[in-house]
Amino acid sequence: MLIRSQLPGISFPANGQPAGKVAVSKVINAFADYTGRMIRSGSLGEVKRCFTMAGVLYKNGSSTLRNAIEGVFVYALSPLLLKKHQALLPLALRNVRIQQLQTI
């Protein structure tokens, strides 16, 4: 709900699910896709907004949400991140990314 309210341009696949019942991983995947499009288009303000929102969700979310942000959001965006993007990541997500890179 927070993502949808803050980013009205984003759409989530419903897959026959009622509004608000879409799986967490599908929502975070759509969020990562949207953020990736913003990175590729050079919309740094929107990228920062997405990263800030992901950081808040990661900090305050359930373990399921945290796992989705680590395993879907950060992982999917990692190849797209240049230095200027990395600086926009909240510290907790920067640390997740570093841990992911060290395990490769």
PDB file of N, CA and C in Angstrom:
ATOM      1  N   MET A   1       0.828  -1.187   0.000  1.00  0.00           N
ATOM      2  CA  MET A   1       0.000   0.000   0.000  1.00  0.00           C
ATOM      3  C   MET A   1       0.878   1.259   0.000  1.00  0.00           C
ATOM      4  N   LEU A   2       1.935   1.251   0.806  1.00  0.00           N
ATOM      5  CA  LEU A   2       2.812   2.419   0.887  1.00  0.00           C
ATOM      6  C   LEU A   2       3.451   2.692  -0.468  1.00  0.00           C
ATOM      7  N   ILE A   3       3.936   1.652  -1.107  1.00  0.00           N
ATOM      8  CA  ILE A   3       4.586   1.834  -2.416  1.00  0.00           C
ATOM      9  C   ILE A   3       3.598   2.410  -3.413  1.00  0.00           C
ATOM     10  N   ARG A   4       2.418   1.844  -3.466  1.00  0.00           N
ATOM     11  CA  ARG A   4       1.399   2.313  -4.413  1.00  0.00           C
ATOM     12  C   ARG A   4       1.025   3.771  -4.146  1.00  0.00           C
ATOM     13  N   SER A   5       0.906   4.154  -2.869  1.00  0.00           N
ATOM     14  CA  SER A   5       0.509   5.532  -2.548  1.00  0.00           C
ATOM     15  C   SER A   5       1.622   6.527  -2.864  1.00  0.00           C
ATOM     16  N   GLN A   6       2.870   6.116  -2.706  1.00  0.00           N
ATOM     17  CA  GLN A   6       3.994   7.017  -2.948  1.00  0.00           C
ATOM     18  C   GLN A   6       4.437   7.069  -4.406  1.00  0.00           C
ATOM     19  N   LEU A   7       4.159   6.012  -5.142  1.00  0.00           N
ATOM     20  CA  LEU A   7       4.571   5.928  -6.546  1.00  0.00           C
ATOM     21  C   LEU A   7       3.361   5.582  -7.401  1.00  0.00           C
ATOM     22  N   PRO A   8       2.520   6.565  -7.689  1.00  0.00           N
ATOM     23  CA  PRO A   8       1.292   6.270  -8.426  1.00  0.00           C
ATOM     24  C   PRO A   8       1.528   5.718  -9.829  1.00  0.00           C
ATOM     25  N   GLY A   9       2.711   5.909 -10.393  1.00  0.00           N
ATOM     26  CA  GLY A   9       3.002   5.416 -11.736  1.00  0.00           C
ATOM     27  C   GLY A   9       3.324   3.937 -11.793  1.00  0.00           C
ATOM     28  N   ILE A  10       3.460   3.297 -10.652  1.00  0.00           N
ATOM     29  CA  ILE A  10       3.835   1.889 -10.616  1.00  0.00           C
ATOM     30  C   ILE A  10       2.585   1.018 -10.693  1.00  0.00           C
ATOM     31  N   SER A  11       2.706  -0.105 -11.375  1.00  0.00           N
ATOM     32  CA  SER A  11       1.572  -1.033 -11.436  1.00  0.00           C
ATOM     33  C   SER A  11       2.048  -2.404 -10.983  1.00  0.00           C
ATOM     34  N   PHE A  12       1.157  -3.110 -10.340  1.00  0.00           N
ATOM     35  CA  PHE A  12       1.474  -4.426  -9.810  1.00  0.00           C
ATOM     36  C   PHE A  12       0.630  -5.474 -10.506  1.00  0.00           C
ATOM     37  N   PRO A  13       1.226  -6.627 -10.829  1.00  0.00           N
ATOM     38  CA  PRO A  13       0.440  -7.704 -11.429  1.00  0.00           C
ATOM     39  C   PRO A  13      -0.491  -8.303 -10.384  1.00  0.00           C
ATOM     40  N   ALA A  14      -1.766  -8.354 -10.674  1.00  0.00           N
ATOM     41  CA  ALA A  14      -2.739  -8.879  -9.713  1.00  0.00           C
ATOM     42  C   ALA A  14      -2.822 -10.395  -9.755  1.00  0.00           C
ATOM     43  N   ASN A  15      -2.643 -10.987 -10.932  1.00  0.00           N
ATOM     44  CA  ASN A  15      -2.713 -12.444 -11.081  1.00  0.00           C
ATOM     45  C   ASN A  15      -3.953 -13.038 -10.424  1.00  0.00           C
ATOM     46  N   GLY A  16      -5.090 -12.372 -10.609  1.00  0.00           N
ATOM     47  CA  GLY A  16      -6.334 -12.878 -10.070  1.00  0.00           C
ATOM     48  C   GLY A  16      -6.536 -12.602  -8.597  1.00  0.00           C
ATOM     49  N   GLN A  17      -5.590 -11.917  -7.971  1.00  0.00           N
ATOM     50  CA  GLN A  17      -5.691 -11.609  -6.547  1.00  0.00           C
ATOM     51  C   GLN A  17      -6.454 -10.303  -6.346  1.00  0.00           C
ATOM     52  N   PRO A  18      -7.239 -10.202  -5.286  1.00  0.00           N
ATOM     53  CA  PRO A  18      -7.901  -8.933  -4.999  1.00  0.00           C
ATOM     54  C   PRO A  18      -6.860  -7.868  -4.642  1.00  0.00           C
ATOM     55  N   ALA A  19      -7.242  -6.612  -4.820  1.00  0.00           N
ATOM     56  CA  ALA A  19      -6.337  -5.500  -4.489  1.00  0.00           C
ATOM     57  C   ALA A  19      -5.862  -5.656  -3.058  1.00  0.00           C
ATOM     58  N   GLY A  20      -4.559  -5.470  -2.848  1.00  0.00           N
ATOM     59  CA  GLY A  20      -3.995  -5.576  -1.519  1.00  0.00           C
ATOM     60  C   GLY A  20      -3.575  -6.996  -1.150  1.00  0.00           C
ATOM     61  N   LYS A  21      -3.835  -7.984  -2.006  1.00  0.00           N
ATOM     62  CA  LYS A  21      -3.514  -9.372  -1.691  1.00  0.00           C
ATOM     63  C   LYS A  21      -2.421  -9.939  -2.594  1.00  0.00           C
ATOM     64  N   VAL A  22      -1.733  -9.082  -3.315  1.00  0.00           N
ATOM     65  CA  VAL A  22      -0.670  -9.540  -4.206  1.00  0.00           C
ATOM     66  C   VAL A  22       0.517  -9.976  -3.339  1.00  0.00           C
ATOM     67  N   ALA A  23       1.173 -11.062  -3.700  1.00  0.00           N
ATOM     68  CA  ALA A  23       2.302 -11.592  -2.942  1.00  0.00           C
ATOM     69  C   ALA A  23       3.400 -10.538  -2.788  1.00  0.00           C
ATOM     70  N   VAL A  24       4.024 -10.549  -1.627  1.00  0.00           N
ATOM     71  CA  VAL A  24       5.077  -9.580  -1.317  1.00  0.00           C
ATOM     72  C   VAL A  24       6.173  -9.605  -2.372  1.00  0.00           C
ATOM     73  N   SER A  25       6.603 -10.781  -2.779  1.00  0.00           N
ATOM     74  CA  SER A  25       7.688 -10.869  -3.764  1.00  0.00           C
ATOM     75  C   SER A  25       7.294 -10.242  -5.099  1.00  0.00           C
ATOM     76  N   LYS A  26       6.034 -10.386  -5.488  1.00  0.00           N
ATOM     77  CA  LYS A  26       5.572  -9.775  -6.745  1.00  0.00           C
ATOM     78  C   LYS A  26       5.556  -8.250  -6.631  1.00  0.00           C
ATOM     79  N   VAL A  27       5.146  -7.736  -5.484  1.00  0.00           N
ATOM     80  CA  VAL A  27       5.133  -6.288  -5.273  1.00  0.00           C
ATOM     81  C   VAL A  27       6.559  -5.744  -5.300  1.00  0.00           C
ATOM     82  N   ILE A  28       7.469  -6.404  -4.598  1.00  0.00           N
ATOM     83  CA  ILE A  28       8.855  -5.936  -4.552  1.00  0.00           C
ATOM     84  C   ILE A  28       9.511  -6.097  -5.920  1.00  0.00           C
ATOM     85  N   ASN A  29       9.149  -7.114  -6.665  1.00  0.00           N
ATOM     86  CA  ASN A  29       9.678  -7.273  -8.021  1.00  0.00           C
ATOM     87  C   ASN A  29       9.220  -6.118  -8.913  1.00  0.00           C
ATOM     88  N   ALA A  30       7.939  -5.753  -8.834  1.00  0.00           N
ATOM     89  CA  ALA A  30       7.431  -4.619  -9.607  1.00  0.00           C
ATOM     90  C   ALA A  30       8.109  -3.324  -9.162  1.00  0.00           C
ATOM     91  N   PHE A  31       8.344  -3.185  -7.861  1.00  0.00           N
ATOM     92  CA  PHE A  31       9.035  -2.021  -7.306  1.00  0.00           C
ATOM     93  C   PHE A  31      10.469  -1.957  -7.846  1.00  0.00           C
ATOM     94  N   ALA A  32      11.153  -3.091  -7.893  1.00  0.00           N
ATOM     95  CA  ALA A  32      12.513  -3.146  -8.432  1.00  0.00           C
ATOM     96  C   ALA A  32      12.523  -2.806  -9.922  1.00  0.00           C
ATOM     97  N   ASP A  33      11.547  -3.323 -10.671  1.00  0.00           N
ATOM     98  CA  ASP A  33      11.452  -3.003 -12.103  1.00  0.00           C
ATOM     99  C   ASP A  33      11.275  -1.503 -12.311  1.00  0.00           C
ATOM    100  N   TYR A  34      10.385  -0.912 -11.538  1.00  0.00           N
ATOM    101  CA  TYR A  34      10.142   0.528 -11.636  1.00  0.00           C
ATOM    102  C   TYR A  34      11.416   1.308 -11.300  1.00  0.00           C
ATOM    103  N   THR A  35      12.078   0.921 -10.212  1.00  0.00           N
ATOM    104  CA  THR A  35      13.300   1.607  -9.806  1.00  0.00           C
ATOM    105  C   THR A  35      14.380   1.449 -10.870  1.00  0.00           C
ATOM    106  N   GLY A  36      14.483   0.270 -11.454  1.00  0.00           N
ATOM    107  CA  GLY A  36      15.443   0.041 -12.532  1.00  0.00           C
ATOM    108  C   GLY A  36      15.183   0.934 -13.729  1.00  0.00           C
ATOM    109  N   ARG A  37      13.904   1.105 -14.075  1.00  0.00           N
ATOM    110  CA  ARG A  37      13.564   2.020 -15.178  1.00  0.00           C
ATOM    111  C   ARG A  37      13.987   3.448 -14.838  1.00  0.00           C
ATOM    112  N   MET A  38      13.825   3.847 -13.589  1.00  0.00           N
ATOM    113  CA  MET A  38      14.211   5.198 -13.170  1.00  0.00           C
ATOM    114  C   MET A  38      15.735   5.358 -13.220  1.00  0.00           C
ATOM    115  N   ILE A  39      16.470   4.314 -12.846  1.00  0.00           N
ATOM    116  CA  ILE A  39      17.936   4.359 -12.916  1.00  0.00           C
ATOM    117  C   ILE A  39      18.366   4.518 -14.367  1.00  0.00           C
ATOM    118  N   ARG A  40      17.802   3.691 -15.258  1.00  0.00           N
ATOM    119  CA  ARG A  40      18.180   3.741 -16.673  1.00  0.00           C
ATOM    120  C   ARG A  40      17.804   5.065 -17.329  1.00  0.00           C
ATOM    121  N   SER A  41      16.715   5.690 -16.853  1.00  0.00           N
ATOM    122  CA  SER A  41      16.302   6.965 -17.450  1.00  0.00           C
ATOM    123  C   SER A  41      17.037   8.155 -16.848  1.00  0.00           C
ATOM    124  N   GLY A  42      17.818   7.919 -15.796  1.00  0.00           N
ATOM    125  CA  GLY A  42      18.586   8.997 -15.182  1.00  0.00           C
ATOM    126  C   GLY A  42      17.789   9.885 -14.236  1.00  0.00           C
ATOM    127  N   SER A  43      16.667   9.418 -13.764  1.00  0.00           N
ATOM    128  CA  SER A  43      15.812  10.184 -12.845  1.00  0.00           C
ATOM    129  C   SER A  43      16.300  10.013 -11.413  1.00  0.00           C
ATOM    130  N   LEU A  44      17.408  10.684 -11.077  1.00  0.00           N
ATOM    131  CA  LEU A  44      18.035  10.487  -9.776  1.00  0.00           C
ATOM    132  C   LEU A  44      17.119  10.852  -8.607  1.00  0.00           C
ATOM    133  N   GLY A  45      16.277  11.857  -8.765  1.00  0.00           N
ATOM    134  CA  GLY A  45      15.350  12.224  -7.700  1.00  0.00           C
ATOM    135  C   GLY A  45      14.381  11.096  -7.394  1.00  0.00           C
ATOM    136  N   GLU A  46      13.874  10.469  -8.439  1.00  0.00           N
ATOM    137  CA  GLU A  46      12.931   9.356  -8.257  1.00  0.00           C
ATOM    138  C   GLU A  46      13.656   8.121  -7.732  1.00  0.00           C
ATOM    139  N   VAL A  47      14.892   7.911  -8.170  1.00  0.00           N
ATOM    140  CA  VAL A  47      15.692   6.791  -7.670  1.00  0.00           C
ATOM    141  C   VAL A  47      15.914   6.960  -6.170  1.00  0.00           C
ATOM    142  N   LYS A  48      16.264   8.170  -5.756  1.00  0.00           N
ATOM    143  CA  LYS A  48      16.474   8.439  -4.332  1.00  0.00           C
ATOM    144  C   LYS A  48      15.194   8.173  -3.543  1.00  0.00           C
ATOM    145  N   ARG A  49      14.067   8.586  -4.093  1.00  0.00           N
ATOM    146  CA  ARG A  49      12.785   8.360  -3.426  1.00  0.00           C
ATOM    147  C   ARG A  49      12.506   6.860  -3.278  1.00  0.00           C
ATOM    148  N   CYS A  50      12.776   6.107  -4.329  1.00  0.00           N
ATOM    149  CA  CYS A  50      12.580   4.658  -4.279  1.00  0.00           C
ATOM    150  C   CYS A  50      13.508   4.018  -3.248  1.00  0.00           C
ATOM    151  N   PHE A  51      14.769   4.412  -3.257  1.00  0.00           N
ATOM    152  CA  PHE A  51      15.721   3.849  -2.307  1.00  0.00           C
ATOM    153  C   PHE A  51      15.344   4.190  -0.871  1.00  0.00           C
ATOM    154  N   THR A  52      14.901   5.423  -0.658  1.00  0.00           N
ATOM    155  CA  THR A  52      14.479   5.826   0.687  1.00  0.00           C
ATOM    156  C   THR A  52      13.291   4.986   1.142  1.00  0.00           C
ATOM    157  N   MET A  53      12.338   4.801   0.247  1.00  0.00           N
ATOM    158  CA  MET A  53      11.162   3.999   0.576  1.00  0.00           C
ATOM    159  C   MET A  53      11.571   2.549   0.856  1.00  0.00           C
ATOM    160  N   ALA A  54      12.459   2.004   0.053  1.00  0.00           N
ATOM    161  CA  ALA A  54      12.933   0.634   0.281  1.00  0.00           C
ATOM    162  C   ALA A  54      13.633   0.533   1.632  1.00  0.00           C
ATOM    163  N   GLY A  55      14.386   1.554   1.984  1.00  0.00           N
ATOM    164  CA  GLY A  55      15.064   1.563   3.277  1.00  0.00           C
ATOM    165  C   GLY A  55      14.084   1.567   4.436  1.00  0.00           C
ATOM    166  N   VAL A  56      13.026   2.352   4.324  1.00  0.00           N
ATOM    167  CA  VAL A  56      11.995   2.409   5.365  1.00  0.00           C
ATOM    168  C   VAL A  56      11.281   1.062   5.473  1.00  0.00           C
ATOM    169  N   LEU A  57      10.930   0.497   4.336  1.00  0.00           N
ATOM    170  CA  LEU A  57      10.270  -0.812   4.334  1.00  0.00           C
ATOM    171  C   LEU A  57      11.179  -1.883   4.928  1.00  0.00           C
ATOM    172  N   TYR A  58      12.463  -1.815   4.605  1.00  0.00           N
ATOM    173  CA  TYR A  58      13.426  -2.785   5.119  1.00  0.00           C
ATOM    174  C   TYR A  58      13.568  -2.649   6.634  1.00  0.00           C
ATOM    175  N   LYS A  59      13.644  -1.433   7.097  1.00  0.00           N
ATOM    176  CA  LYS A  59      13.825  -1.185   8.532  1.00  0.00           C
ATOM    177  C   LYS A  59      12.585  -1.577   9.341  1.00  0.00           C
ATOM    178  N   ASN A  60      11.415  -1.274   8.828  1.00  0.00           N
ATOM    179  CA  ASN A  60      10.179  -1.442   9.590  1.00  0.00           C
ATOM    180  C   ASN A  60       9.345  -2.652   9.186  1.00  0.00           C
ATOM    181  N   GLY A  61       9.753  -3.356   8.153  1.00  0.00           N
ATOM    182  CA  GLY A  61       8.926  -4.428   7.613  1.00  0.00           C
ATOM    183  C   GLY A  61       9.084  -5.755   8.330  1.00  0.00           C
ATOM    184  N   SER A  62       8.223  -6.651   7.973  1.00  0.00           N
ATOM    185  CA  SER A  62       8.264  -8.018   8.503  1.00  0.00           C
ATOM    186  C   SER A  62       9.491  -8.735   7.950  1.00  0.00           C
ATOM    187  N   SER A  63       9.774  -9.900   8.481  1.00  0.00           N
ATOM    188  CA  SER A  63      10.908 -10.676   7.967  1.00  0.00           C
ATOM    189  C   SER A  63      10.678 -11.065   6.508  1.00  0.00           C
ATOM    190  N   THR A  64       9.428 -11.313   6.136  1.00  0.00           N
ATOM    191  CA  THR A  64       9.109 -11.641   4.741  1.00  0.00           C
ATOM    192  C   THR A  64       9.436 -10.465   3.830  1.00  0.00           C
ATOM    193  N   LEU A  65       9.055  -9.272   4.253  1.00  0.00           N
ATOM    194  CA  LEU A  65       9.335  -8.072   3.461  1.00  0.00           C
ATOM    195  C   LEU A  65      10.830  -7.810   3.396  1.00  0.00           C
ATOM    196  N   ARG A  66      11.516  -7.945   4.513  1.00  0.00           N
ATOM    197  CA  ARG A  66      12.972  -7.738   4.541  1.00  0.00           C
ATOM    198  C   ARG A  66      13.669  -8.720   3.587  1.00  0.00           C
ATOM    199  N   ASN A  67      13.250  -9.980   3.636  1.00  0.00           N
ATOM    200  CA  ASN A  67      13.840 -10.987   2.744  1.00  0.00           C
ATOM    201  C   ASN A  67      13.587 -10.652   1.282  1.00  0.00           C
ATOM    202  N   ALA A  68      12.393 -10.154   0.968  1.00  0.00           N
ATOM    203  CA  ALA A  68      12.070  -9.778  -0.418  1.00  0.00           C
ATOM    204  C   ALA A  68      12.909  -8.589  -0.863  1.00  0.00           C
ATOM    205  N   ILE A  69      13.127  -7.646   0.014  1.00  0.00           N
ATOM    206  CA  ILE A  69      13.950  -6.488  -0.353  1.00  0.00           C
ATOM    207  C   ILE A  69      15.388  -6.925  -0.579  1.00  0.00           C
ATOM    208  N   GLU A  70      15.892  -7.806   0.279  1.00  0.00           N
ATOM    209  CA  GLU A  70      17.261  -8.306   0.099  1.00  0.00           C
ATOM    210  C   GLU A  70      17.382  -9.157  -1.161  1.00  0.00           C
ATOM    211  N   GLY A  71      16.473 -10.106  -1.314  1.00  0.00           N
ATOM    212  CA  GLY A  71      16.601 -11.105  -2.367  1.00  0.00           C
ATOM    213  C   GLY A  71      16.077 -10.693  -3.721  1.00  0.00           C
ATOM    214  N   VAL A  72      15.186  -9.727  -3.746  1.00  0.00           N
ATOM    215  CA  VAL A  72      14.605  -9.293  -5.018  1.00  0.00           C
ATOM    216  C   VAL A  72      15.074  -7.887  -5.362  1.00  0.00           C
ATOM    217  N   PHE A  73      14.764  -6.920  -4.527  1.00  0.00           N
ATOM    218  CA  PHE A  73      15.024  -5.509  -4.830  1.00  0.00           C
ATOM    219  C   PHE A  73      16.527  -5.234  -4.982  1.00  0.00           C
ATOM    220  N   VAL A  74      17.302  -5.486  -3.936  1.00  0.00           N
ATOM    221  CA  VAL A  74      18.734  -5.174  -3.980  1.00  0.00           C
ATOM    222  C   VAL A  74      19.437  -6.033  -5.017  1.00  0.00           C
ATOM    223  N   TYR A  75      19.111  -7.319  -5.055  1.00  0.00           N
ATOM    224  CA  TYR A  75      19.758  -8.221  -6.006  1.00  0.00           C
ATOM    225  C   TYR A  75      19.491  -7.810  -7.453  1.00  0.00           C
ATOM    226  N   ALA A  76      18.248  -7.468  -7.758  1.00  0.00           N
ATOM    227  CA  ALA A  76      17.889  -7.101  -9.134  1.00  0.00           C
ATOM    228  C   ALA A  76      18.546  -5.797  -9.569  1.00  0.00           C
ATOM    229  N   LEU A  77      18.688  -4.864  -8.640  1.00  0.00           N
ATOM    230  CA  LEU A  77      19.219  -3.553  -9.005  1.00  0.00           C
ATOM    231  C   LEU A  77      20.736  -3.468  -8.951  1.00  0.00           C
ATOM    232  N   SER A  78      21.356  -4.376  -8.260  1.00  0.00           N
ATOM    233  CA  SER A  78      22.801  -4.318  -8.053  1.00  0.00           C
ATOM    234  C   SER A  78      23.610  -4.114  -9.338  1.00  0.00           C
ATOM    235  N   PRO A  79      23.314  -4.831 -10.432  1.00  0.00           N
ATOM    236  CA  PRO A  79      24.100  -4.629 -11.657  1.00  0.00           C
ATOM    237  C   PRO A  79      23.936  -3.234 -12.279  1.00  0.00           C
ATOM    238  N   LEU A  80      22.867  -2.535 -11.932  1.00  0.00           N
ATOM    239  CA  LEU A  80      22.609  -1.221 -12.524  1.00  0.00           C
ATOM    240  C   LEU A  80      23.245  -0.069 -11.751  1.00  0.00           C
ATOM    241  N   LEU A  81      23.725  -0.358 -10.543  1.00  0.00           N
ATOM    242  CA  LEU A  81      24.151   0.714  -9.653  1.00  0.00           C
ATOM    243  C   LEU A  81      25.550   1.218  -9.970  1.00  0.00           C
ATOM    244  N   LEU A  82      25.616   2.483 -10.340  1.00  0.00           N
ATOM    245  CA  LEU A  82      26.889   3.174 -10.501  1.00  0.00           C
ATOM    246  C   LEU A  82      27.208   3.855  -9.177  1.00  0.00           C
ATOM    247  N   LYS A  83      28.376   4.454  -9.074  1.00  0.00           N
ATOM    248  CA  LYS A  83      28.762   5.140  -7.828  1.00  0.00           C
ATOM    249  C   LYS A  83      27.721   6.152  -7.383  1.00  0.00           C
ATOM    250  N   LYS A  84      27.188   6.931  -8.331  1.00  0.00           N
ATOM    251  CA  LYS A  84      26.217   7.964  -7.968  1.00  0.00           C
ATOM    252  C   LYS A  84      24.936   7.362  -7.407  1.00  0.00           C
ATOM    253  N   HIS A  85      24.580   6.155  -7.843  1.00  0.00           N
ATOM    254  CA  HIS A  85      23.388   5.485  -7.328  1.00  0.00           C
ATOM    255  C   HIS A  85      23.668   4.861  -5.968  1.00  0.00           C
ATOM    256  N   GLN A  86      24.856   4.271  -5.826  1.00  0.00           N
ATOM    257  CA  GLN A  86      25.214   3.622  -4.573  1.00  0.00           C
ATOM    258  C   GLN A  86      25.172   4.602  -3.412  1.00  0.00           C
ATOM    259  N   ALA A  87      25.563   5.839  -3.679  1.00  0.00           N
ATOM    260  CA  ALA A  87      25.567   6.858  -2.627  1.00  0.00           C
ATOM    261  C   ALA A  87      24.155   7.179  -2.156  1.00  0.00           C
ATOM    262  N   LEU A  88      23.155   6.908  -2.980  1.00  0.00           N
ATOM    263  CA  LEU A  88      21.765   7.190  -2.623  1.00  0.00           C
ATOM    264  C   LEU A  88      21.138   6.082  -1.775  1.00  0.00           C
ATOM    265  N   LEU A  89      21.748   4.895  -1.784  1.00  0.00           N
ATOM    266  CA  LEU A  89      21.200   3.778  -1.019  1.00  0.00           C
ATOM    267  C   LEU A  89      21.307   4.044   0.481  1.00  0.00           C
ATOM    268  N   PRO A  90      20.257   3.762   1.229  1.00  0.00           N
ATOM    269  CA  PRO A  90      20.372   3.837   2.687  1.00  0.00           C
ATOM    270  C   PRO A  90      21.446   2.857   3.163  1.00  0.00           C
ATOM    271  N   LEU A  91      22.074   3.143   4.269  1.00  0.00           N
ATOM    272  CA  LEU A  91      23.200   2.354   4.764  1.00  0.00           C
ATOM    273  C   LEU A  91      22.860   0.870   4.908  1.00  0.00           C
ATOM    274  N   ALA A  92      21.697   0.556   5.438  1.00  0.00           N
ATOM    275  CA  ALA A  92      21.322  -0.852   5.625  1.00  0.00           C
ATOM    276  C   ALA A  92      21.290  -1.589   4.290  1.00  0.00           C
ATOM    277  N   LEU A  93      20.773  -0.942   3.243  1.00  0.00           N
ATOM    278  CA  LEU A  93      20.711  -1.586   1.926  1.00  0.00           C
ATOM    279  C   LEU A  93      22.086  -1.633   1.268  1.00  0.00           C
ATOM    280  N   ARG A  94      22.911  -0.640   1.538  1.00  0.00           N
ATOM    281  CA  ARG A  94      24.290  -0.672   1.044  1.00  0.00           C
ATOM    282  C   ARG A  94      25.018  -1.874   1.634  1.00  0.00           C
ATOM    283  N   ASN A  95      24.792  -2.108   2.929  1.00  0.00           N
ATOM    284  CA  ASN A  95      25.425  -3.259   3.586  1.00  0.00           C
ATOM    285  C   ASN A  95      24.917  -4.575   3.026  1.00  0.00           C
ATOM    286  N   VAL A  96      23.620  -4.660   2.722  1.00  0.00           N
ATOM    287  CA  VAL A  96      23.057  -5.868   2.101  1.00  0.00           C
ATOM    288  C   VAL A  96      23.734  -6.105   0.761  1.00  0.00           C
ATOM    289  N   ARG A  97      23.885  -5.047  -0.017  1.00  0.00           N
ATOM    290  CA  ARG A  97      24.516  -5.177  -1.339  1.00  0.00           C
ATOM    291  C   ARG A  97      25.962  -5.647  -1.208  1.00  0.00           C
ATOM    292  N   ILE A  98      26.694  -5.081  -0.266  1.00  0.00           N
ATOM    293  CA  ILE A  98      28.085  -5.483  -0.049  1.00  0.00           C
ATOM    294  C   ILE A  98      28.149  -6.958   0.322  1.00  0.00           C
ATOM    295  N   GLN A  99      27.262  -7.412   1.188  1.00  0.00           N
ATOM    296  CA  GLN A  99      27.232  -8.837   1.575  1.00  0.00           C
ATOM    297  C   GLN A  99      26.937  -9.708   0.367  1.00  0.00           C
ATOM    298  N   GLN A 100      26.018  -9.270  -0.486  1.00  0.00           N
ATOM    299  CA  GLN A 100      25.697 -10.047  -1.685  1.00  0.00           C
ATOM    300  C   GLN A 100      26.902 -10.132  -2.617  1.00  0.00           C
ATOM    301  N   LEU A 101      27.616  -9.023  -2.780  1.00  0.00           N
ATOM    302  CA  LEU A 101      28.778  -9.003  -3.665  1.00  0.00           C
ATOM    303  C   LEU A 101      29.904  -9.875  -3.123  1.00  0.00           C
ATOM    304  N   GLN A 102      30.022  -9.945  -1.815  1.00  0.00           N
ATOM    305  CA  GLN A 102      31.086 -10.748  -1.213  1.00  0.00           C
ATOM    306  C   GLN A 102      30.816 -12.240  -1.322  1.00  0.00           C
ATOM    307  N   THR A 103      29.562 -12.623  -1.515  1.00  0.00           N
ATOM    308  CA  THR A 103      29.241 -14.044  -1.627  1.00  0.00           C
ATOM    309  C   THR A 103      29.326 -14.564  -3.056  1.00  0.00           C
ATOM    310  N   ILE A 104      29.554 -13.662  -3.988  1.00  0.00           N
ATOM    311  CA  ILE A 104      29.629 -14.069  -5.412  1.00  0.00           C
ATOM    312  C   ILE A 104      30.970 -14.694  -5.708  1.00  0.00           C
TER     313      ILE A 104
END
